Amino acid sequence: MSAGVRAADVAVGTELPEQTYPVTRADLVRYAGASGDLNPIHWSDRVATAVGLPGVIAHGMLTMALAARAVTAWAGDPGALVEYHVRFGRPVVVPDDDTGARVTVRGRVAALGEDGRARVDLTVTSGGEKVLSLARATVQLA
């Protein structure tokens, strides 16, 4: 059960705090090792551009996880996330520099259930482009 946000304190239209997460090439290497996804489009500019990508891209599941992290940080409990859906829209291109890319997550409560659940619609962008489409999470509030 969530310790961070109480259902009584949330209304349709409540906005989650905006979160911005850096994503560097080093993050991609660590994620690849943890996930087992060693596809070279996540570390080789040569391979990524050869298959038509603008450069090395972040793993879609990493992008999805960052958005979920913003929701669970707001809810105050990772276990409060009971349902989560996204559609991958555009890749997050990660330059080979010390800055990398930025993934920004904004959320808004779109619906409240009588069971204390809130549906949160998410807008996830990188480089000014929406990277996740139809992103929504259902959270069990305290």
Protein backbone atom coordinates (compact mmCIF):
# COMPACT_ATOMS: atom_id res chain seq x y z
CA MET A 1 0.00 0.00 0.00
CA SER A 2 1.23 3.46 -0.83
CA ALA A 3 2.75 5.56 1.93
CA GLY A 4 3.19 8.66 -0.22
CA VAL A 5 -0.12 9.77 -1.67
CA ARG A 6 -3.52 9.32 -0.08
CA ALA A 7 -6.58 8.87 -2.26
CA ALA A 8 -8.33 11.65 -0.33
CA ASP A 9 -5.62 14.09 -1.46
CA VAL A 10 -5.86 13.29 -5.18
CA ALA A 11 -8.37 14.54 -7.73
CA VAL A 12 -8.77 14.13 -11.46
CA GLY A 13 -6.33 16.64 -12.91
CA THR A 14 -3.72 16.27 -10.14
CA GLU A 15 -0.31 16.63 -11.77
CA LEU A 16 2.66 14.54 -10.77
CA PRO A 17 5.95 16.36 -10.24
CA GLU A 18 7.89 16.49 -13.48
CA GLN A 19 10.91 14.19 -13.43
CA THR A 20 13.90 14.31 -15.76
CA TYR A 21 16.33 11.42 -15.94
CA PRO A 22 19.74 11.46 -17.66
CA VAL A 23 20.58 8.52 -19.91
CA THR A 24 24.23 8.07 -20.91
CA ARG A 25 26.05 5.45 -22.93
CA ALA A 26 27.37 4.07 -19.63
CA ASP A 27 23.75 3.62 -18.49
CA LEU A 28 23.04 1.67 -21.67
CA VAL A 29 25.99 -0.65 -21.04
CA ARG A 30 24.82 -1.30 -17.47
CA TYR A 31 21.23 -1.89 -18.61
CA ALA A 32 22.39 -4.25 -21.36
CA GLY A 33 24.33 -6.29 -18.83
CA ALA A 34 21.42 -6.46 -16.39
CA SER A 35 18.77 -7.20 -19.01
CA GLY A 36 20.78 -9.42 -21.34
CA ASP A 37 19.77 -7.21 -24.30
CA LEU A 38 23.14 -6.83 -26.01
CA ASN A 39 21.74 -5.64 -29.36
CA PRO A 40 24.46 -3.43 -30.91
CA ILE A 41 21.96 -0.66 -31.76
CA HIS A 42 22.29 0.18 -28.05
CA TRP A 43 26.07 0.70 -28.15
CA SER A 44 27.39 0.94 -31.72
CA ASP A 45 26.81 4.05 -33.84
CA ARG A 46 27.97 2.12 -36.90
CA VAL A 47 25.35 -0.60 -36.48
CA ALA A 48 22.60 1.81 -35.41
CA THR A 49 23.05 4.06 -38.44
CA ALA A 50 23.44 1.07 -40.77
CA VAL A 51 19.92 -0.07 -39.84
CA GLY A 52 18.47 3.42 -40.35
CA LEU A 53 18.52 4.81 -36.83
CA PRO A 54 19.87 8.31 -36.16
CA GLY A 55 22.42 6.86 -33.73
CA VAL A 56 22.64 4.65 -30.66
CA ILE A 57 19.28 4.39 -28.93
CA ALA A 58 18.23 3.56 -25.38
CA HIS A 59 16.50 0.27 -24.71
CA GLY A 60 12.74 0.73 -24.91
CA MET A 61 12.28 -1.13 -21.65
CA LEU A 62 14.74 1.25 -19.96
CA THR A 63 12.68 4.22 -21.15
CA MET A 64 9.54 2.48 -19.92
CA ALA A 65 11.16 1.83 -16.54
CA LEU A 66 12.14 5.48 -16.12
CA ALA A 67 8.53 6.53 -16.66
CA ALA A 68 7.35 3.95 -14.13
CA ARG A 69 9.95 5.26 -11.69
CA ALA A 70 8.38 8.72 -11.83
CA VAL A 71 4.97 7.23 -11.02
CA THR A 72 6.20 5.09 -8.13
CA ALA A 73 8.21 8.00 -6.70
CA TRP A 74 4.97 10.03 -6.61
CA ALA A 75 2.98 7.13 -5.14
CA GLY A 76 5.66 6.49 -2.51
CA ASP A 77 5.72 2.73 -3.05
CA PRO A 78 6.86 0.67 -6.06
CA GLY A 79 4.25 -1.94 -5.08
CA ALA A 80 1.49 0.62 -5.60
CA LEU A 81 1.87 0.30 -9.38
CA VAL A 82 -0.76 -2.29 -10.29
CA GLU A 83 -1.04 -1.84 -14.06
CA TYR A 84 1.14 -0.19 -16.68
CA HIS A 85 0.89 0.17 -20.45
CA VAL A 86 2.93 2.02 -23.04
CA ARG A 87 3.46 2.02 -26.76
CA PHE A 88 6.95 2.81 -27.98
CA GLY A 89 6.66 5.86 -30.24
CA ARG A 90 10.15 7.17 -30.99
CA PRO A 91 13.60 6.09 -29.88
CA VAL A 92 15.65 7.93 -27.29
CA VAL A 93 18.87 8.78 -29.12
CA VAL A 94 21.84 8.78 -26.73
CA PRO A 95 24.87 10.78 -27.91
CA ASP A 96 28.38 9.56 -27.14
CA ASP A 97 29.30 12.43 -24.83
CA ASP A 98 29.33 13.11 -21.11
CA THR A 99 25.77 14.48 -21.14
CA GLY A 100 23.85 11.80 -23.03
CA ALA A 101 20.09 12.24 -23.40
CA ARG A 102 17.37 13.39 -21.04
CA VAL A 103 14.04 11.61 -20.57
CA THR A 104 11.33 13.83 -19.09
CA VAL A 105 8.20 12.37 -17.53
CA ARG A 106 5.03 14.33 -16.82
CA GLY A 107 1.89 12.77 -15.42
CA ARG A 108 -1.69 13.73 -14.71
CA VAL A 109 -4.39 11.82 -12.85
CA ALA A 110 -7.03 11.09 -15.49
CA ALA A 111 -9.45 8.94 -13.48
CA LEU A 112 -10.15 7.84 -9.93
CA GLY A 113 -11.83 4.62 -8.93
CA GLU A 114 -13.92 4.00 -5.83
CA ASP A 115 -11.38 1.32 -4.93
CA GLY A 116 -8.68 3.94 -4.29
CA ARG A 117 -6.99 3.44 -7.63
CA ALA A 118 -5.85 6.30 -9.82
CA ARG A 119 -5.18 6.13 -13.55
CA VAL A 120 -2.25 8.34 -14.44
CA ASP A 121 -1.72 9.41 -18.05
CA LEU A 122 1.93 10.03 -18.84
CA THR A 123 3.75 12.22 -21.33
CA VAL A 124 7.30 11.00 -21.85
CA THR A 125 9.66 13.04 -24.01
CA SER A 126 13.31 13.22 -25.01
CA GLY A 127 14.85 15.93 -27.15
CA GLY A 128 11.45 17.60 -27.46
CA GLU A 129 9.89 14.47 -29.01
CA LYS A 130 7.27 12.23 -27.44
CA VAL A 131 8.97 8.84 -27.06
CA LEU A 132 6.21 6.81 -25.38
CA SER A 133 2.64 6.89 -26.67
CA LEU A 134 -0.53 5.88 -24.85
CA ALA A 135 1.46 5.65 -21.63
CA ARG A 136 -0.70 5.10 -18.58
CA ALA A 137 -0.33 3.62 -15.14
CA THR A 138 -2.82 2.49 -12.55
CA VAL A 139 -1.74 3.12 -8.97
CA GLN A 140 -3.30 1.90 -5.72
CA LEU A 141 -3.39 4.91 -3.42
CA ALA A 142 -3.32 4.77 0.38
